[in-house]
Amino acid sequence: MFADPSDAKARADYIHTVTKSMSALAEYDYVHGTVLVRVSHYLTPDQAAEYRVAANRLG
């Protein structure tokens, strides 16, 4: 959870940039408002999408 949505987005962008070239660190990241949900890459895309749906339901 971050102070404002732009901080959450900036962190997600940073994580994506850092892990882009390292597949072992890849993950699914979902931003909803001030919340950044980070989900393991060991989940299937369908499983990870369930976390995205849940994140979108956050207040």
PDB file of N, CA and C in Angstrom:
ATOM      1  N   MET A   1       0.854  -1.158   0.000  1.00  0.00           N
ATOM      2  CA  MET A   1       0.000   0.000   0.000  1.00  0.00           C
ATOM      3  C   MET A   1       0.905   1.227   0.000  1.00  0.00           C
ATOM      4  N   PHE A   2       0.530   2.202  -0.789  1.00  0.00           N
ATOM      5  CA  PHE A   2       1.332   3.399  -0.959  1.00  0.00           C
ATOM      6  C   PHE A   2       0.522   4.644  -0.607  1.00  0.00           C
ATOM      7  N   ALA A   3       1.204   5.745  -0.482  1.00  0.00           N
ATOM      8  CA  ALA A   3       0.552   6.999  -0.082  1.00  0.00           C
ATOM      9  C   ALA A   3      -0.436   7.491  -1.140  1.00  0.00           C
ATOM     10  N   ASP A   4      -0.107   7.291  -2.406  1.00  0.00           N
ATOM     11  CA  ASP A   4      -1.021   7.707  -3.468  1.00  0.00           C
ATOM     12  C   ASP A   4      -0.856   6.783  -4.681  1.00  0.00           C
ATOM     13  N   PRO A   5      -1.818   6.805  -5.589  1.00  0.00           N
ATOM     14  CA  PRO A   5      -1.791   5.899  -6.740  1.00  0.00           C
ATOM     15  C   PRO A   5      -0.538   6.028  -7.607  1.00  0.00           C
ATOM     16  N   SER A   6      -0.016   7.241  -7.740  1.00  0.00           N
ATOM     17  CA  SER A   6       1.174   7.403  -8.584  1.00  0.00           C
ATOM     18  C   SER A   6       2.383   6.706  -7.980  1.00  0.00           C
ATOM     19  N   ASP A   7       2.469   6.645  -6.646  1.00  0.00           N
ATOM     20  CA  ASP A   7       3.562   5.916  -5.996  1.00  0.00           C
ATOM     21  C   ASP A   7       3.433   4.414  -6.242  1.00  0.00           C
ATOM     22  N   ALA A   8       2.230   3.897  -6.181  1.00  0.00           N
ATOM     23  CA  ALA A   8       2.002   2.476  -6.440  1.00  0.00           C
ATOM     24  C   ALA A   8       2.369   2.139  -7.878  1.00  0.00           C
ATOM     25  N   LYS A   9       1.950   2.964  -8.816  1.00  0.00           N
ATOM     26  CA  LYS A   9       2.265   2.747 -10.230  1.00  0.00           C
ATOM     27  C   LYS A   9       3.764   2.838 -10.464  1.00  0.00           C
ATOM     28  N   ALA A  10       4.421   3.807  -9.847  1.00  0.00           N
ATOM     29  CA  ALA A  10       5.870   3.960 -10.012  1.00  0.00           C
ATOM     30  C   ALA A  10       6.603   2.719  -9.511  1.00  0.00           C
ATOM     31  N   ARG A  11       6.170   2.178  -8.390  1.00  0.00           N
ATOM     32  CA  ARG A  11       6.811   0.972  -7.859  1.00  0.00           C
ATOM     33  C   ARG A  11       6.582  -0.216  -8.794  1.00  0.00           C
ATOM     34  N   ALA A  12       5.382  -0.368  -9.306  1.00  0.00           N
ATOM     35  CA  ALA A  12       5.086  -1.453 -10.244  1.00  0.00           C
ATOM     36  C   ALA A  12       5.945  -1.310 -11.500  1.00  0.00           C
ATOM     37  N   ASP A  13       6.085  -0.107 -12.000  1.00  0.00           N
ATOM     38  CA  ASP A  13       6.918   0.134 -13.180  1.00  0.00           C
ATOM     39  C   ASP A  13       8.373  -0.210 -12.893  1.00  0.00           C
ATOM     40  N   TYR A  14       8.862   0.177 -11.722  1.00  0.00           N
ATOM     41  CA  TYR A  14      10.236  -0.121 -11.325  1.00  0.00           C
ATOM     42  C   TYR A  14      10.459  -1.639 -11.262  1.00  0.00           C
ATOM     43  N   ILE A  15       9.548  -2.343 -10.618  1.00  0.00           N
ATOM     44  CA  ILE A  15       9.666  -3.800 -10.503  1.00  0.00           C
ATOM     45  C   ILE A  15       9.688  -4.428 -11.889  1.00  0.00           C
ATOM     46  N   HIS A  16       8.817  -3.972 -12.759  1.00  0.00           N
ATOM     47  CA  HIS A  16       8.761  -4.507 -14.111  1.00  0.00           C
ATOM     48  C   HIS A  16      10.089  -4.274 -14.843  1.00  0.00           C
ATOM     49  N   THR A  17      10.647  -3.092 -14.697  1.00  0.00           N
ATOM     50  CA  THR A  17      11.917  -2.759 -15.342  1.00  0.00           C
ATOM     51  C   THR A  17      13.049  -3.649 -14.829  1.00  0.00           C
ATOM     52  N   VAL A  18      13.111  -3.844 -13.523  1.00  0.00           N
ATOM     53  CA  VAL A  18      14.182  -4.631 -12.918  1.00  0.00           C
ATOM     54  C   VAL A  18      14.064  -6.110 -13.267  1.00  0.00           C
ATOM     55  N   THR A  19      12.860  -6.629 -13.282  1.00  0.00           N
ATOM     56  CA  THR A  19      12.673  -8.070 -13.486  1.00  0.00           C
ATOM     57  C   THR A  19      12.506  -8.465 -14.954  1.00  0.00           C
ATOM     58  N   LYS A  20      12.380  -7.491 -15.828  1.00  0.00           N
ATOM     59  CA  LYS A  20      12.128  -7.759 -17.244  1.00  0.00           C
ATOM     60  C   LYS A  20      13.162  -8.704 -17.851  1.00  0.00           C
ATOM     61  N   SER A  21      14.413  -8.531 -17.496  1.00  0.00           N
ATOM     62  CA  SER A  21      15.466  -9.354 -18.086  1.00  0.00           C
ATOM     63  C   SER A  21      15.838 -10.563 -17.228  1.00  0.00           C
ATOM     64  N   MET A  22      15.137 -10.764 -16.118  1.00  0.00           N
ATOM     65  CA  MET A  22      15.423 -11.892 -15.230  1.00  0.00           C
ATOM     66  C   MET A  22      14.152 -12.699 -15.019  1.00  0.00           C
ATOM     67  N   SER A  23      13.948 -13.692 -15.866  1.00  0.00           N
ATOM     68  CA  SER A  23      12.695 -14.442 -15.819  1.00  0.00           C
ATOM     69  C   SER A  23      12.459 -15.131 -14.479  1.00  0.00           C
ATOM     70  N   ALA A  24      13.521 -15.452 -13.756  1.00  0.00           N
ATOM     71  CA  ALA A  24      13.355 -16.100 -12.445  1.00  0.00           C
ATOM     72  C   ALA A  24      12.683 -15.172 -11.446  1.00  0.00           C
ATOM     73  N   LEU A  25      12.762 -13.874 -11.681  1.00  0.00           N
ATOM     74  CA  LEU A  25      12.150 -12.898 -10.776  1.00  0.00           C
ATOM     75  C   LEU A  25      10.826 -12.354 -11.297  1.00  0.00           C
ATOM     76  N   ALA A  26      10.415 -12.808 -12.457  1.00  0.00           N
ATOM     77  CA  ALA A  26       9.173 -12.308 -13.055  1.00  0.00           C
ATOM     78  C   ALA A  26       7.989 -12.589 -12.130  1.00  0.00           C
ATOM     79  N   GLU A  27       7.010 -11.731 -12.215  1.00  0.00           N
ATOM     80  CA  GLU A  27       5.806 -11.882 -11.403  1.00  0.00           C
ATOM     81  C   GLU A  27       4.670 -11.139 -12.071  1.00  0.00           C
ATOM     82  N   TYR A  28       3.495 -11.339 -11.560  1.00  0.00           N
ATOM     83  CA  TYR A  28       2.331 -10.582 -11.998  1.00  0.00           C
ATOM     84  C   TYR A  28       2.151  -9.437 -11.003  1.00  0.00           C
ATOM     85  N   ASP A  29       1.990  -8.233 -11.504  1.00  0.00           N
ATOM     86  CA  ASP A  29       1.788  -7.067 -10.642  1.00  0.00           C
ATOM     87  C   ASP A  29       0.507  -6.360 -11.060  1.00  0.00           C
ATOM     88  N   TYR A  30      -0.321  -6.071 -10.077  1.00  0.00           N
ATOM     89  CA  TYR A  30      -1.583  -5.387 -10.327  1.00  0.00           C
ATOM     90  C   TYR A  30      -1.692  -4.180  -9.417  1.00  0.00           C
ATOM     91  N   VAL A  31      -1.989  -3.033 -10.006  1.00  0.00           N
ATOM     92  CA  VAL A  31      -2.150  -1.804  -9.237  1.00  0.00           C
ATOM     93  C   VAL A  31      -3.620  -1.429  -9.230  1.00  0.00           C
ATOM     94  N   HIS A  32      -4.124  -1.161  -8.056  1.00  0.00           N
ATOM     95  CA  HIS A  32      -5.489  -0.652  -7.908  1.00  0.00           C
ATOM     96  C   HIS A  32      -5.424   0.475  -6.891  1.00  0.00           C
ATOM     97  N   GLY A  33      -5.540   1.687  -7.374  1.00  0.00           N
ATOM     98  CA  GLY A  33      -5.437   2.839  -6.474  1.00  0.00           C
ATOM     99  C   GLY A  33      -4.066   2.874  -5.818  1.00  0.00           C
ATOM    100  N   THR A  34      -4.063   2.849  -4.504  1.00  0.00           N
ATOM    101  CA  THR A  34      -2.802   2.918  -3.757  1.00  0.00           C
ATOM    102  C   THR A  34      -2.223   1.543  -3.448  1.00  0.00           C
ATOM    103  N   VAL A  35      -2.862   0.486  -3.938  1.00  0.00           N
ATOM    104  CA  VAL A  35      -2.444  -0.879  -3.614  1.00  0.00           C
ATOM    105  C   VAL A  35      -1.720  -1.520  -4.804  1.00  0.00           C
ATOM    106  N   LEU A  36      -0.580  -2.129  -4.515  1.00  0.00           N
ATOM    107  CA  LEU A  36       0.157  -2.920  -5.493  1.00  0.00           C
ATOM    108  C   LEU A  36       0.115  -4.365  -5.025  1.00  0.00           C
ATOM    109  N   VAL A  37      -0.489  -5.217  -5.831  1.00  0.00           N
ATOM    110  CA  VAL A  37      -0.570  -6.645  -5.516  1.00  0.00           C
ATOM    111  C   VAL A  37       0.470  -7.356  -6.374  1.00  0.00           C
ATOM    112  N   ARG A  38       1.390  -8.055  -5.720  1.00  0.00           N
ATOM    113  CA  ARG A  38       2.448  -8.793  -6.405  1.00  0.00           C
ATOM    114  C   ARG A  38       2.159 -10.283  -6.263  1.00  0.00           C
ATOM    115  N   VAL A  39       2.083 -10.985  -7.406  1.00  0.00           N
ATOM    116  CA  VAL A  39       1.692 -12.393  -7.428  1.00  0.00           C
ATOM    117  C   VAL A  39       2.806 -13.210  -8.074  1.00  0.00           C
ATOM    118  N   SER A  40       3.096 -14.346  -7.504  1.00  0.00           N
ATOM    119  CA  SER A  40       4.160 -15.225  -7.970  1.00  0.00           C
ATOM    120  C   SER A  40       3.981 -15.652  -9.422  1.00  0.00           C
ATOM    121  N   HIS A  41       5.092 -15.766 -10.120  1.00  0.00           N
ATOM    122  CA  HIS A  41       5.059 -16.248 -11.504  1.00  0.00           C
ATOM    123  C   HIS A  41       4.806 -17.748 -11.582  1.00  0.00           C
ATOM    124  N   TYR A  42       4.804 -18.417 -10.453  1.00  0.00           N
ATOM    125  CA  TYR A  42       4.528 -19.853 -10.444  1.00  0.00           C
ATOM    126  C   TYR A  42       3.040 -20.139 -10.671  1.00  0.00           C
ATOM    127  N   LEU A  43       2.192 -19.139 -10.525  1.00  0.00           N
ATOM    128  CA  LEU A  43       0.776 -19.329 -10.806  1.00  0.00           C
ATOM    129  C   LEU A  43       0.543 -19.290 -12.307  1.00  0.00           C
ATOM    130  N   THR A  44      -0.514 -19.933 -12.721  1.00  0.00           N
ATOM    131  CA  THR A  44      -0.887 -19.859 -14.136  1.00  0.00           C
ATOM    132  C   THR A  44      -1.472 -18.467 -14.394  1.00  0.00           C
ATOM    133  N   PRO A  45      -1.511 -18.057 -15.653  1.00  0.00           N
ATOM    134  CA  PRO A  45      -2.133 -16.762 -15.947  1.00  0.00           C
ATOM    135  C   PRO A  45      -3.577 -16.679 -15.439  1.00  0.00           C
ATOM    136  N   ASP A  46      -4.329 -17.776 -15.526  1.00  0.00           N
ATOM    137  CA  ASP A  46      -5.713 -17.761 -15.037  1.00  0.00           C
ATOM    138  C   ASP A  46      -5.766 -17.589 -13.521  1.00  0.00           C
ATOM    139  N   GLN A  47      -4.870 -18.262 -12.812  1.00  0.00           N
ATOM    140  CA  GLN A  47      -4.828 -18.119 -11.355  1.00  0.00           C
ATOM    141  C   GLN A  47      -4.441 -16.697 -10.969  1.00  0.00           C
ATOM    142  N   ALA A  48      -3.444 -16.161 -11.642  1.00  0.00           N
ATOM    143  CA  ALA A  48      -3.006 -14.797 -11.348  1.00  0.00           C
ATOM    144  C   ALA A  48      -4.114 -13.793 -11.642  1.00  0.00           C
ATOM    145  N   ALA A  49      -4.892 -14.059 -12.680  1.00  0.00           N
ATOM    146  CA  ALA A  49      -5.993 -13.160 -13.034  1.00  0.00           C
ATOM    147  C   ALA A  49      -7.026 -13.074 -11.921  1.00  0.00           C
ATOM    148  N   GLU A  50      -7.162 -14.125 -11.145  1.00  0.00           N
ATOM    149  CA  GLU A  50      -8.083 -14.084 -10.008  1.00  0.00           C
ATOM    150  C   GLU A  50      -7.629 -13.043  -8.981  1.00  0.00           C
ATOM    151  N   TYR A  51      -6.330 -12.890  -8.827  1.00  0.00           N
ATOM    152  CA  TYR A  51      -5.815 -11.861  -7.933  1.00  0.00           C
ATOM    153  C   TYR A  51      -6.082 -10.473  -8.493  1.00  0.00           C
ATOM    154  N   ARG A  52      -5.972 -10.339  -9.820  1.00  0.00           N
ATOM    155  CA  ARG A  52      -6.276  -9.052 -10.455  1.00  0.00           C
ATOM    156  C   ARG A  52      -7.726  -8.666 -10.199  1.00  0.00           C
ATOM    157  N   VAL A  53      -8.624  -9.630 -10.354  1.00  0.00           N
ATOM    158  CA  VAL A  53     -10.049  -9.380 -10.111  1.00  0.00           C
ATOM    159  C   VAL A  53     -10.254  -8.963  -8.659  1.00  0.00           C
ATOM    160  N   ALA A  54      -9.599  -9.671  -7.736  1.00  0.00           N
ATOM    161  CA  ALA A  54      -9.731  -9.327  -6.318  1.00  0.00           C
ATOM    162  C   ALA A  54      -9.164  -7.937  -6.040  1.00  0.00           C
ATOM    163  N   ALA A  55      -8.043  -7.600  -6.657  1.00  0.00           N
ATOM    164  CA  ALA A  55      -7.452  -6.280  -6.455  1.00  0.00           C
ATOM    165  C   ALA A  55      -8.381  -5.183  -6.955  1.00  0.00           C
ATOM    166  N   ASN A  56      -9.051  -5.444  -8.056  1.00  0.00           N
ATOM    167  CA  ASN A  56      -9.972  -4.461  -8.606  1.00  0.00           C
ATOM    168  C   ASN A  56     -11.197  -4.236  -7.725  1.00  0.00           C
ATOM    169  N   ARG A  57     -11.458  -5.189  -6.842  1.00  0.00           N
ATOM    170  CA  ARG A  57     -12.604  -5.051  -5.933  1.00  0.00           C
ATOM    171  C   ARG A  57     -12.255  -4.288  -4.660  1.00  0.00           C
ATOM    172  N   LEU A  58     -10.968  -3.990  -4.465  1.00  0.00           N
ATOM    173  CA  LEU A  58     -10.548  -3.270  -3.255  1.00  0.00           C
ATOM    174  C   LEU A  58     -11.140  -1.870  -3.273  1.00  0.00           C
ATOM    175  N   GLY A  59     -11.504  -1.408  -2.105  1.00  0.00           N
ATOM    176  CA  GLY A  59     -12.108  -0.099  -1.926  1.00  0.00           C
ATOM    177  C   GLY A  59     -11.563   0.959  -2.734  1.00  0.00           C
TER     178      GLY A  59
END
